Amino acid sequence: MPKRKSFSGKFKQTVIEDVRKNHLSYSEAMRKYGIGGKMSIQKWERIYLEEGVEGLCIERRGRGSPGRPPKLDKQVKKDLIAENQRLRAENDYLKKLHALVLEEERRNRRRK
């Protein structure tokens, strides 16, 4: 399998600016600059339009690292714990109420 080329951010910028300035097609730019495929130029152009020139300098190969999830503020964490406890208590209450209602219905059926 052939090794993939790694292009510098400056080179990508030159290609995209030439494509946009001279209205080149992706195929023409691919041949002119010796790039292996049109998809690379399309991706570069999308990044250029969305993130600017700085976005072209970022290395994007490989899988992204999910990293650590951001830590919650202490007050938010306390609020979430309190809400969770309240909801658990409410859930227990509703379960007991439902059981009592079912028991009451069973008693009424027996009496009839």
PDB file of N, CA and C in Angstrom:
ATOM      1  N   MET A   1       0.858  -1.161   0.000  1.00  0.00           N
ATOM      2  CA  MET A   1       0.000   0.000   0.000  1.00  0.00           C
ATOM      3  C   MET A   1       0.913   1.235   0.000  1.00  0.00           C
ATOM      4  N   PRO A   2       0.660   2.193  -0.902  1.00  0.00           N
ATOM      5  CA  PRO A   2       1.521   3.368  -0.961  1.00  0.00           C
ATOM      6  C   PRO A   2       1.332   4.256   0.261  1.00  0.00           C
ATOM      7  N   LYS A   3       2.445   4.896   0.656  1.00  0.00           N
ATOM      8  CA  LYS A   3       2.399   5.767   1.817  1.00  0.00           C
ATOM      9  C   LYS A   3       1.667   7.052   1.459  1.00  0.00           C
ATOM     10  N   ARG A   4       0.839   7.522   2.382  1.00  0.00           N
ATOM     11  CA  ARG A   4       0.082   8.749   2.153  1.00  0.00           C
ATOM     12  C   ARG A   4       0.971   9.946   2.373  1.00  0.00           C
ATOM     13  N   LYS A   5       0.820  10.945   1.502  1.00  0.00           N
ATOM     14  CA  LYS A   5       1.592  12.173   1.646  1.00  0.00           C
ATOM     15  C   LYS A   5       0.966  13.042   2.718  1.00  0.00           C
ATOM     16  N   SER A   6       1.834  13.800   3.374  1.00  0.00           N
ATOM     17  CA  SER A   6       1.368  14.758   4.352  1.00  0.00           C
ATOM     18  C   SER A   6       1.693  16.143   3.815  1.00  0.00           C
ATOM     19  N   PHE A   7       0.688  16.967   3.668  1.00  0.00           N
ATOM     20  CA  PHE A   7       0.871  18.294   3.102  1.00  0.00           C
ATOM     21  C   PHE A   7       0.871  19.336   4.213  1.00  0.00           C
ATOM     22  N   SER A   8       1.680  20.364   4.017  1.00  0.00           N
ATOM     23  CA  SER A   8       1.743  21.428   5.016  1.00  0.00           C
ATOM     24  C   SER A   8       0.513  22.320   4.904  1.00  0.00           C
ATOM     25  N   GLY A   9       0.250  23.057   5.974  1.00  0.00           N
ATOM     26  CA  GLY A   9      -0.877  23.985   5.973  1.00  0.00           C
ATOM     27  C   GLY A   9      -0.717  25.063   4.924  1.00  0.00           C
ATOM     28  N   LYS A  10       0.522  25.526   4.707  1.00  0.00           N
ATOM     29  CA  LYS A  10       0.794  26.571   3.709  1.00  0.00           C
ATOM     30  C   LYS A  10       0.488  26.056   2.302  1.00  0.00           C
ATOM     31  N   PHE A  11       0.867  24.787   2.026  1.00  0.00           N
ATOM     32  CA  PHE A  11       0.600  24.198   0.722  1.00  0.00           C
ATOM     33  C   PHE A  11      -0.913  24.076   0.491  1.00  0.00           C
ATOM     34  N   LYS A  12      -1.644  23.606   1.525  1.00  0.00           N
ATOM     35  CA  LYS A  12      -3.095  23.472   1.404  1.00  0.00           C
ATOM     36  C   LYS A  12      -3.734  24.827   1.149  1.00  0.00           C
ATOM     37  N   GLN A  13      -3.244  25.849   1.841  1.00  0.00           N
ATOM     38  CA  GLN A  13      -3.763  27.203   1.646  1.00  0.00           C
ATOM     39  C   GLN A  13      -3.520  27.667   0.217  1.00  0.00           C
ATOM     40  N   THR A  14      -2.328  27.412  -0.309  1.00  0.00           N
ATOM     41  CA  THR A  14      -1.997  27.803  -1.679  1.00  0.00           C
ATOM     42  C   THR A  14      -2.927  27.126  -2.675  1.00  0.00           C
ATOM     43  N   VAL A  15      -3.163  25.835  -2.479  1.00  0.00           N
ATOM     44  CA  VAL A  15      -4.034  25.084  -3.387  1.00  0.00           C
ATOM     45  C   VAL A  15      -5.454  25.649  -3.353  1.00  0.00           C
ATOM     46  N   ILE A  16      -5.998  25.835  -2.174  1.00  0.00           N
ATOM     47  CA  ILE A  16      -7.387  26.297  -2.040  1.00  0.00           C
ATOM     48  C   ILE A  16      -7.539  27.711  -2.586  1.00  0.00           C
ATOM     49  N   GLU A  17      -6.595  28.569  -2.284  1.00  0.00           N
ATOM     50  CA  GLU A  17      -6.687  29.948  -2.792  1.00  0.00           C
ATOM     51  C   GLU A  17      -6.566  29.975  -4.305  1.00  0.00           C
ATOM     52  N   ASP A  18      -5.735  29.098  -4.884  1.00  0.00           N
ATOM     53  CA  ASP A  18      -5.611  29.016  -6.343  1.00  0.00           C
ATOM     54  C   ASP A  18      -6.908  28.492  -6.963  1.00  0.00           C
ATOM     55  N   VAL A  19      -7.517  27.492  -6.324  1.00  0.00           N
ATOM     56  CA  VAL A  19      -8.786  26.938  -6.819  1.00  0.00           C
ATOM     57  C   VAL A  19      -9.863  28.021  -6.826  1.00  0.00           C
ATOM     58  N   ARG A  20      -9.942  28.770  -5.731  1.00  0.00           N
ATOM     59  CA  ARG A  20     -10.988  29.789  -5.606  1.00  0.00           C
ATOM     60  C   ARG A  20     -10.711  31.007  -6.497  1.00  0.00           C
ATOM     61  N   LYS A  21      -9.452  31.416  -6.585  1.00  0.00           N
ATOM     62  CA  LYS A  21      -9.097  32.612  -7.361  1.00  0.00           C
ATOM     63  C   LYS A  21      -9.216  32.376  -8.867  1.00  0.00           C
ATOM     64  N   ASN A  22      -8.700  31.233  -9.327  1.00  0.00           N
ATOM     65  CA  ASN A  22      -8.664  30.944 -10.766  1.00  0.00           C
ATOM     66  C   ASN A  22      -9.800  30.038 -11.222  1.00  0.00           C
ATOM     67  N   HIS A  23     -10.745  29.749 -10.322  1.00  0.00           N
ATOM     68  CA  HIS A  23     -11.915  28.917 -10.641  1.00  0.00           C
ATOM     69  C   HIS A  23     -11.496  27.574 -11.253  1.00  0.00           C
ATOM     70  N   LEU A  24     -10.522  26.935 -10.612  1.00  0.00           N
ATOM     71  CA  LEU A  24     -10.079  25.624 -11.069  1.00  0.00           C
ATOM     72  C   LEU A  24     -11.029  24.553 -10.537  1.00  0.00           C
ATOM     73  N   SER A  25     -11.186  23.503 -11.304  1.00  0.00           N
ATOM     74  CA  SER A  25     -11.945  22.363 -10.795  1.00  0.00           C
ATOM     75  C   SER A  25     -11.016  21.567  -9.880  1.00  0.00           C
ATOM     76  N   TYR A  26     -11.608  20.680  -9.105  1.00  0.00           N
ATOM     77  CA  TYR A  26     -10.785  19.861  -8.219  1.00  0.00           C
ATOM     78  C   TYR A  26      -9.845  18.972  -9.024  1.00  0.00           C
ATOM     79  N   SER A  27     -10.301  18.474 -10.165  1.00  0.00           N
ATOM     80  CA  SER A  27      -9.458  17.615 -11.005  1.00  0.00           C
ATOM     81  C   SER A  27      -8.271  18.392 -11.552  1.00  0.00           C
ATOM     82  N   GLU A  28      -8.511  19.622 -11.973  1.00  0.00           N
ATOM     83  CA  GLU A  28      -7.413  20.440 -12.497  1.00  0.00           C
ATOM     84  C   GLU A  28      -6.388  20.730 -11.403  1.00  0.00           C
ATOM     85  N   ALA A  29      -6.858  21.079 -10.241  1.00  0.00           N
ATOM     86  CA  ALA A  29      -5.955  21.362  -9.123  1.00  0.00           C
ATOM     87  C   ALA A  29      -5.200  20.103  -8.711  1.00  0.00           C
ATOM     88  N   MET A  30      -5.876  18.968  -8.774  1.00  0.00           N
ATOM     89  CA  MET A  30      -5.250  17.701  -8.431  1.00  0.00           C
ATOM     90  C   MET A  30      -4.072  17.425  -9.365  1.00  0.00           C
ATOM     91  N   ARG A  31      -4.266  17.617 -10.660  1.00  0.00           N
ATOM     92  CA  ARG A  31      -3.201  17.399 -11.628  1.00  0.00           C
ATOM     93  C   ARG A  31      -2.096  18.448 -11.492  1.00  0.00           C
ATOM     94  N   LYS A  32      -2.480  19.702 -11.295  1.00  0.00           N
ATOM     95  CA  LYS A  32      -1.514  20.809 -11.230  1.00  0.00           C
ATOM     96  C   LYS A  32      -0.567  20.668 -10.038  1.00  0.00           C
ATOM     97  N   TYR A  33      -1.098  20.245  -8.894  1.00  0.00           N
ATOM     98  CA  TYR A  33      -0.290  20.181  -7.689  1.00  0.00           C
ATOM     99  C   TYR A  33       0.149  18.769  -7.311  1.00  0.00           C
ATOM    100  N   GLY A  34      -0.248  17.763  -8.081  1.00  0.00           N
ATOM    101  CA  GLY A  34       0.184  16.388  -7.817  1.00  0.00           C
ATOM    102  C   GLY A  34      -0.433  15.786  -6.566  1.00  0.00           C
ATOM    103  N   ILE A  35      -1.698  16.075  -6.368  1.00  0.00           N
ATOM    104  CA  ILE A  35      -2.418  15.546  -5.209  1.00  0.00           C
ATOM    105  C   ILE A  35      -3.128  14.271  -5.638  1.00  0.00           C
ATOM    106  N   GLY A  36      -3.191  13.288  -4.732  1.00  0.00           N
ATOM    107  CA  GLY A  36      -3.716  11.974  -5.063  1.00  0.00           C
ATOM    108  C   GLY A  36      -5.208  11.874  -5.316  1.00  0.00           C
ATOM    109  N   GLY A  37      -6.025  12.781  -4.798  1.00  0.00           N
ATOM    110  CA  GLY A  37      -7.460  12.644  -4.986  1.00  0.00           C
ATOM    111  C   GLY A  37      -8.203  13.947  -4.786  1.00  0.00           C
ATOM    112  N   LYS A  38      -9.396  13.993  -5.390  1.00  0.00           N
ATOM    113  CA  LYS A  38     -10.228  15.198  -5.289  1.00  0.00           C
ATOM    114  C   LYS A  38     -10.795  15.399  -3.895  1.00  0.00           C
ATOM    115  N   MET A  39     -11.028  14.291  -3.185  1.00  0.00           N
ATOM    116  CA  MET A  39     -11.625  14.391  -1.853  1.00  0.00           C
ATOM    117  C   MET A  39     -10.755  15.194  -0.898  1.00  0.00           C
ATOM    118  N   SER A  40      -9.433  15.081  -1.058  1.00  0.00           N
ATOM    119  CA  SER A  40      -8.535  15.847  -0.187  1.00  0.00           C
ATOM    120  C   SER A  40      -8.768  17.335  -0.371  1.00  0.00           C
ATOM    121  N   ILE A  41      -8.859  17.769  -1.605  1.00  0.00           N
ATOM    122  CA  ILE A  41      -9.047  19.197  -1.890  1.00  0.00           C
ATOM    123  C   ILE A  41     -10.420  19.647  -1.389  1.00  0.00           C
ATOM    124  N   GLN A  42     -11.431  18.810  -1.559  1.00  0.00           N
ATOM    125  CA  GLN A  42     -12.768  19.156  -1.074  1.00  0.00           C
ATOM    126  C   GLN A  42     -12.761  19.329   0.440  1.00  0.00           C
ATOM    127  N   LYS A  43     -12.084  18.413   1.158  1.00  0.00           N
ATOM    128  CA  LYS A  43     -12.000  18.512   2.615  1.00  0.00           C
ATOM    129  C   LYS A  43     -11.259  19.777   3.024  1.00  0.00           C
ATOM    130  N   TRP A  44     -10.151  20.054   2.332  1.00  0.00           N
ATOM    131  CA  TRP A  44      -9.377  21.257   2.644  1.00  0.00           C
ATOM    132  C   TRP A  44     -10.213  22.514   2.448  1.00  0.00           C
ATOM    133  N   GLU A  45     -10.999  22.538   1.382  1.00  0.00           N
ATOM    134  CA  GLU A  45     -11.813  23.724   1.110  1.00  0.00           C
ATOM    135  C   GLU A  45     -12.892  23.899   2.181  1.00  0.00           C
ATOM    136  N   ARG A  46     -13.496  22.807   2.589  1.00  0.00           N
ATOM    137  CA  ARG A  46     -14.502  22.887   3.651  1.00  0.00           C
ATOM    138  C   ARG A  46     -13.878  23.414   4.935  1.00  0.00           C
ATOM    139  N   ILE A  47     -12.715  22.893   5.287  1.00  0.00           N
ATOM    140  CA  ILE A  47     -12.023  23.345   6.494  1.00  0.00           C
ATOM    141  C   ILE A  47     -11.643  24.816   6.359  1.00  0.00           C
ATOM    142  N   TYR A  48     -11.163  25.211   5.183  1.00  0.00           N
ATOM    143  CA  TYR A  48     -10.766  26.596   4.927  1.00  0.00           C
ATOM    144  C   TYR A  48     -11.956  27.536   5.099  1.00  0.00           C
ATOM    145  N   LEU A  49     -13.109  27.131   4.597  1.00  0.00           N
ATOM    146  CA  LEU A  49     -14.291  27.991   4.698  1.00  0.00           C
ATOM    147  C   LEU A  49     -14.862  28.017   6.118  1.00  0.00           C
ATOM    148  N   GLU A  50     -14.805  26.904   6.817  1.00  0.00           N
ATOM    149  CA  GLU A  50     -15.386  26.833   8.163  1.00  0.00           C
ATOM    150  C   GLU A  50     -14.457  27.372   9.249  1.00  0.00           C
ATOM    151  N   GLU A  51     -13.156  27.060   9.157  1.00  0.00           N
ATOM    152  CA  GLU A  51     -12.237  27.378  10.242  1.00  0.00           C
ATOM    153  C   GLU A  51     -11.168  28.392   9.875  1.00  0.00           C
ATOM    154  N   GLY A  52     -11.031  28.679   8.583  1.00  0.00           N
ATOM    155  CA  GLY A  52     -10.004  29.625   8.160  1.00  0.00           C
ATOM    156  C   GLY A  52      -8.675  28.932   7.912  1.00  0.00           C
ATOM    157  N   VAL A  53      -7.655  29.755   7.691  1.00  0.00           N
ATOM    158  CA  VAL A  53      -6.327  29.248   7.360  1.00  0.00           C
ATOM    159  C   VAL A  53      -5.746  28.420   8.507  1.00  0.00           C
ATOM    160  N   GLU A  54      -6.013  28.813   9.741  1.00  0.00           N
ATOM    161  CA  GLU A  54      -5.468  28.095  10.892  1.00  0.00           C
ATOM    162  C   GLU A  54      -5.952  26.642  10.929  1.00  0.00           C
ATOM    163  N   GLY A  55      -7.170  26.406  10.454  1.00  0.00           N
ATOM    164  CA  GLY A  55      -7.721  25.056  10.462  1.00  0.00           C
ATOM    165  C   GLY A  55      -6.974  24.108   9.551  1.00  0.00           C
ATOM    166  N   LEU A  56      -6.329  24.643   8.513  1.00  0.00           N
ATOM    167  CA  LEU A  56      -5.593  23.794   7.587  1.00  0.00           C
ATOM    168  C   LEU A  56      -4.295  23.272   8.197  1.00  0.00           C
ATOM    169  N   CYS A  57      -3.785  23.914   9.221  1.00  0.00           N
ATOM    170  CA  CYS A  57      -2.514  23.519   9.835  1.00  0.00           C
ATOM    171  C   CYS A  57      -2.677  22.400  10.858  1.00  0.00           C
ATOM    172  N   ILE A  58      -3.902  22.104  11.250  1.00  0.00           N
ATOM    173  CA  ILE A  58      -4.155  21.076  12.257  1.00  0.00           C
ATOM    174  C   ILE A  58      -4.050  19.695  11.626  1.00  0.00           C
ATOM    175  N   GLU A  59      -3.302  18.805  12.273  1.00  0.00           N
ATOM    176  CA  GLU A  59      -3.170  17.424  11.804  1.00  0.00           C
ATOM    177  C   GLU A  59      -4.452  16.672  12.149  1.00  0.00           C
ATOM    178  N   ARG A  60      -5.093  16.059  11.162  1.00  0.00           N
ATOM    179  CA  ARG A  60      -6.399  15.434  11.383  1.00  0.00           C
ATOM    180  C   ARG A  60      -6.413  13.937  11.096  1.00  0.00           C
ATOM    181  N   ARG A  61      -5.290  13.318  10.953  1.00  0.00           N
ATOM    182  CA  ARG A  61      -5.283  11.889  10.664  1.00  0.00           C
ATOM    183  C   ARG A  61      -5.492  11.078  11.924  1.00  0.00           C
ATOM    184  N   GLY A  62      -6.030   9.879  11.790  1.00  0.00           N
ATOM    185  CA  GLY A  62      -6.232   8.987  12.925  1.00  0.00           C
ATOM    186  C   GLY A  62      -7.556   9.255  13.622  1.00  0.00           C
ATOM    187  N   ARG A  63      -7.778   8.481  14.638  1.00  0.00           N
ATOM    188  CA  ARG A  63      -9.009   8.626  15.407  1.00  0.00           C
ATOM    189  C   ARG A  63      -8.849   9.754  16.412  1.00  0.00           C
ATOM    190  N   GLY A  64      -9.916  10.452  16.607  1.00  0.00           N
ATOM    191  CA  GLY A  64      -9.896  11.514  17.605  1.00  0.00           C
ATOM    192  C   GLY A  64      -9.979  10.935  19.004  1.00  0.00           C
ATOM    193  N   SER A  65      -9.321  11.568  19.929  1.00  0.00           N
ATOM    194  CA  SER A  65      -9.349  11.119  21.309  1.00  0.00           C
ATOM    195  C   SER A  65     -10.566  11.725  21.998  1.00  0.00           C
ATOM    196  N   PRO A  66     -11.381  10.888  22.633  1.00  0.00           N
ATOM    197  CA  PRO A  66     -12.541  11.454  23.304  1.00  0.00           C
ATOM    198  C   PRO A  66     -12.153  12.301  24.510  1.00  0.00           C
ATOM    199  N   GLY A  67     -10.983  12.014  25.080  1.00  0.00           N
ATOM    200  CA  GLY A  67     -10.521  12.788  26.225  1.00  0.00           C
ATOM    201  C   GLY A  67     -11.390  12.562  27.448  1.00  0.00           C
ATOM    202  N   ARG A  68     -11.135  13.346  28.451  1.00  0.00           N
ATOM    203  CA  ARG A  68     -11.937  13.254  29.665  1.00  0.00           C
ATOM    204  C   ARG A  68     -13.178  14.112  29.516  1.00  0.00           C
ATOM    205  N   PRO A  69     -14.263  13.650  30.071  1.00  0.00           N
ATOM    206  CA  PRO A  69     -15.443  14.513  30.044  1.00  0.00           C
ATOM    207  C   PRO A  69     -15.212  15.716  30.961  1.00  0.00           C
ATOM    208  N   PRO A  70     -15.763  16.856  30.618  1.00  0.00           N
ATOM    209  CA  PRO A  70     -15.551  18.036  31.453  1.00  0.00           C
ATOM    210  C   PRO A  70     -16.168  17.846  32.837  1.00  0.00           C
ATOM    211  N   LYS A  71     -15.465  18.359  33.852  1.00  0.00           N
ATOM    212  CA  LYS A  71     -15.970  18.235  35.214  1.00  0.00           C
ATOM    213  C   LYS A  71     -17.088  19.243  35.440  1.00  0.00           C
ATOM    214  N   LEU A  72     -18.062  18.815  36.228  1.00  0.00           N
ATOM    215  CA  LEU A  72     -19.182  19.688  36.549  1.00  0.00           C
ATOM    216  C   LEU A  72     -18.805  20.627  37.689  1.00  0.00           C
ATOM    217  N   ASP A  73     -19.418  21.776  37.695  1.00  0.00           N
ATOM    218  CA  ASP A  73     -19.253  22.714  38.785  1.00  0.00           C
ATOM    219  C   ASP A  73     -19.801  22.070  40.064  1.00  0.00           C
ATOM    220  N   LYS A  74     -19.221  22.397  41.215  1.00  0.00           N
ATOM    221  CA  LYS A  74     -19.647  21.769  42.474  1.00  0.00           C
ATOM    222  C   LYS A  74     -21.122  22.022  42.766  1.00  0.00           C
ATOM    223  N   GLN A  75     -21.576  23.248  42.513  1.00  0.00           N
ATOM    224  CA  GLN A  75     -22.980  23.579  42.789  1.00  0.00           C
ATOM    225  C   GLN A  75     -23.908  22.791  41.864  1.00  0.00           C
ATOM    226  N   VAL A  76     -23.516  22.655  40.598  1.00  0.00           N
ATOM    227  CA  VAL A  76     -24.330  21.891  39.639  1.00  0.00           C
ATOM    228  C   VAL A  76     -24.378  20.430  40.067  1.00  0.00           C
ATOM    229  N   LYS A  77     -23.236  19.912  40.509  1.00  0.00           N
ATOM    230  CA  LYS A  77     -23.191  18.522  40.948  1.00  0.00           C
ATOM    231  C   LYS A  77     -24.094  18.300  42.162  1.00  0.00           C
ATOM    232  N   LYS A  78     -24.061  19.224  43.123  1.00  0.00           N
ATOM    233  CA  LYS A  78     -24.928  19.115  44.302  1.00  0.00           C
ATOM    234  C   LYS A  78     -26.395  19.173  43.902  1.00  0.00           C
ATOM    235  N   ASP A  79     -26.719  20.084  42.977  1.00  0.00           N
ATOM    236  CA  ASP A  79     -28.102  20.200  42.518  1.00  0.00           C
ATOM    237  C   ASP A  79     -28.571  18.918  41.838  1.00  0.00           C
ATOM    238  N   LEU A  80     -27.699  18.326  41.020  1.00  0.00           N
ATOM    239  CA  LEU A  80     -28.065  17.089  40.336  1.00  0.00           C
ATOM    240  C   LEU A  80     -28.257  15.940  41.323  1.00  0.00           C
ATOM    241  N   ILE A  81     -27.405  15.860  42.334  1.00  0.00           N
ATOM    242  CA  ILE A  81     -27.546  14.815  43.343  1.00  0.00           C
ATOM    243  C   ILE A  81     -28.852  14.993  44.110  1.00  0.00           C
ATOM    244  N   ALA A  82     -29.155  16.246  44.493  1.00  0.00           N
ATOM    245  CA  ALA A  82     -30.401  16.516  45.223  1.00  0.00           C
ATOM    246  C   ALA A  82     -31.618  16.172  44.366  1.00  0.00           C
ATOM    247  N   GLU A  83     -31.574  16.528  43.099  1.00  0.00           N
ATOM    248  CA  GLU A  83     -32.700  16.225  42.205  1.00  0.00           C
ATOM    249  C   GLU A  83     -32.857  14.718  42.040  1.00  0.00           C
ATOM    250  N   ASN A  84     -31.732  14.028  41.913  1.00  0.00           N
ATOM    251  CA  ASN A  84     -31.773  12.573  41.776  1.00  0.00           C
ATOM    252  C   ASN A  84     -32.406  11.936  43.008  1.00  0.00           C
ATOM    253  N   GLN A  85     -32.024  12.391  44.194  1.00  0.00           N
ATOM    254  CA  GLN A  85     -32.602  11.858  45.430  1.00  0.00           C
ATOM    255  C   GLN A  85     -34.096  12.157  45.518  1.00  0.00           C
ATOM    256  N   ARG A  86     -34.488  13.382  45.128  1.00  0.00           N
ATOM    257  CA  ARG A  86     -35.905  13.746  45.147  1.00  0.00           C
ATOM    258  C   ARG A  86     -36.701  12.860  44.199  1.00  0.00           C
ATOM    259  N   LEU A  87     -36.159  12.630  43.004  1.00  0.00           N
ATOM    260  CA  LEU A  87     -36.861  11.804  42.021  1.00  0.00           C
ATOM    261  C   LEU A  87     -36.952  10.347  42.476  1.00  0.00           C
ATOM    262  N   ARG A  88     -35.914   9.852  43.134  1.00  0.00           N
ATOM    263  CA  ARG A  88     -35.972   8.485  43.656  1.00  0.00           C
ATOM    264  C   ARG A  88     -37.044   8.359  44.733  1.00  0.00           C
ATOM    265  N   ALA A  89     -37.101   9.362  45.621  1.00  0.00           N
ATOM    266  CA  ALA A  89     -38.121   9.346  46.677  1.00  0.00           C
ATOM    267  C   ALA A  89     -39.518   9.414  46.058  1.00  0.00           C
ATOM    268  N   GLU A  90     -39.686  10.265  45.063  1.00  0.00           N
ATOM    269  CA  GLU A  90     -40.985  10.380  44.401  1.00  0.00           C
ATOM    270  C   GLU A  90     -41.356   9.066  43.720  1.00  0.00           C
ATOM    271  N   ASN A  91     -40.378   8.438  43.083  1.00  0.00           N
ATOM    272  CA  ASN A  91     -40.618   7.162  42.419  1.00  0.00           C
ATOM    273  C   ASN A  91     -41.036   6.089  43.427  1.00  0.00           C
ATOM    274  N   ASP A  92     -40.347   6.029  44.558  1.00  0.00           N
ATOM    275  CA  ASP A  92     -40.724   5.079  45.620  1.00  0.00           C
ATOM    276  C   ASP A  92     -42.139   5.348  46.127  1.00  0.00           C
ATOM    277  N   TYR A  93     -42.446   6.617  46.324  1.00  0.00           N
ATOM    278  CA  TYR A  93     -43.778   6.999  46.795  1.00  0.00           C
ATOM    279  C   TYR A  93     -44.848   6.537  45.811  1.00  0.00           C
ATOM    280  N   LEU A  94     -44.607   6.785  44.514  1.00  0.00           N
ATOM    281  CA  LEU A  94     -45.599   6.396  43.505  1.00  0.00           C
ATOM    282  C   LEU A  94     -45.754   4.883  43.420  1.00  0.00           C
ATOM    283  N   LYS A  95     -44.670   4.157  43.591  1.00  0.00           N
ATOM    284  CA  LYS A  95     -44.763   2.692  43.584  1.00  0.00           C
ATOM    285  C   LYS A  95     -45.611   2.198  44.749  1.00  0.00           C
ATOM    286  N   LYS A  96     -45.382   2.769  45.931  1.00  0.00           N
ATOM    287  CA  LYS A  96     -46.158   2.366  47.103  1.00  0.00           C
ATOM    288  C   LYS A  96     -47.629   2.741  46.944  1.00  0.00           C
ATOM    289  N   LEU A  97     -47.873   3.934  46.414  1.00  0.00           N
ATOM    290  CA  LEU A  97     -49.248   4.374  46.181  1.00  0.00           C
ATOM    291  C   LEU A  97     -49.947   3.440  45.205  1.00  0.00           C
ATOM    292  N   HIS A  98     -49.239   3.077  44.129  1.00  0.00           N
ATOM    293  CA  HIS A  98     -49.808   2.167  43.136  1.00  0.00           C
ATOM    294  C   HIS A  98     -50.131   0.812  43.779  1.00  0.00           C
ATOM    295  N   ALA A  99     -49.226   0.321  44.618  1.00  0.00           N
ATOM    296  CA  ALA A  99     -49.464  -0.951  45.298  1.00  0.00           C
ATOM    297  C   ALA A  99     -50.669  -0.854  46.224  1.00  0.00           C
ATOM    298  N   LEU A 100     -50.812   0.256  46.939  1.00  0.00           N
ATOM    299  CA  LEU A 100     -51.964   0.440  47.826  1.00  0.00           C
ATOM    300  C   LEU A 100     -53.272   0.510  47.040  1.00  0.00           C
ATOM    301  N   VAL A 101     -53.252   1.179  45.903  1.00  0.00           N
ATOM    302  CA  VAL A 101     -54.452   1.276  45.069  1.00  0.00           C
ATOM    303  C   VAL A 101     -54.836  -0.113  44.556  1.00  0.00           C
ATOM    304  N   LEU A 102     -53.867  -0.879  44.113  1.00  0.00           N
ATOM    305  CA  LEU A 102     -54.156  -2.248  43.650  1.00  0.00           C
ATOM    306  C   LEU A 102     -54.706  -3.109  44.781  1.00  0.00           C
ATOM    307  N   GLU A 103     -54.135  -2.986  45.953  1.00  0.00           N
ATOM    308  CA  GLU A 103     -54.624  -3.746  47.112  1.00  0.00           C
ATOM    309  C   GLU A 103     -56.053  -3.353  47.460  1.00  0.00           C
ATOM    310  N   GLU A 104     -56.352  -2.062  47.407  1.00  0.00           N
ATOM    311  CA  GLU A 104     -57.711  -1.567  47.677  1.00  0.00           C
ATOM    312  C   GLU A 104     -58.692  -2.133  46.655  1.00  0.00           C
ATOM    313  N   GLU A 105     -58.293  -2.178  45.385  1.00  0.00           N
ATOM    314  CA  GLU A 105     -59.174  -2.732  44.350  1.00  0.00           C
ATOM    315  C   GLU A 105     -59.415  -4.218  44.584  1.00  0.00           C
ATOM    316  N   ARG A 106     -58.385  -4.944  44.998  1.00  0.00           N
ATOM    317  CA  ARG A 106     -58.547  -6.373  45.278  1.00  0.00           C
ATOM    318  C   ARG A 106     -59.521  -6.590  46.436  1.00  0.00           C
ATOM    319  N   ARG A 107     -59.442  -5.793  47.460  1.00  0.00           N
ATOM    320  CA  ARG A 107     -60.344  -5.896  48.610  1.00  0.00           C
ATOM    321  C   ARG A 107     -61.795  -5.620  48.185  1.00  0.00           C
ATOM    322  N   ASN A 108     -61.959  -4.606  47.354  1.00  0.00           N
ATOM    323  CA  ASN A 108     -63.318  -4.258  46.890  1.00  0.00           C
ATOM    324  C   ASN A 108     -63.900  -5.367  46.034  1.00  0.00           C
ATOM    325  N   ARG A 109     -63.102  -6.038  45.260  1.00  0.00           N
ATOM    326  CA  ARG A 109     -63.587  -7.139  44.433  1.00  0.00           C
ATOM    327  C   ARG A 109     -64.032  -8.315  45.301  1.00  0.00           C
ATOM    328  N   ARG A 110     -63.315  -8.584  46.363  1.00  0.00           N
ATOM    329  CA  ARG A 110     -63.653  -9.692  47.258  1.00  0.00           C
ATOM    330  C   ARG A 110     -64.969  -9.444  47.961  1.00  0.00           C
ATOM    331  N   ARG A 111     -65.234  -8.175  48.309  1.00  0.00           N
ATOM    332  CA  ARG A 111     -66.455  -7.840  49.035  1.00  0.00           C
ATOM    333  C   ARG A 111     -67.697  -7.987  48.156  1.00  0.00           C
ATOM    334  N   LYS A 112     -67.543  -7.819  46.900  1.00  0.00           N
ATOM    335  CA  LYS A 112     -68.706  -7.888  46.000  1.00  0.00           C
ATOM    336  C   LYS A 112     -69.088  -9.279  45.724  1.00  0.00           C
TER     337      LYS A 112
END
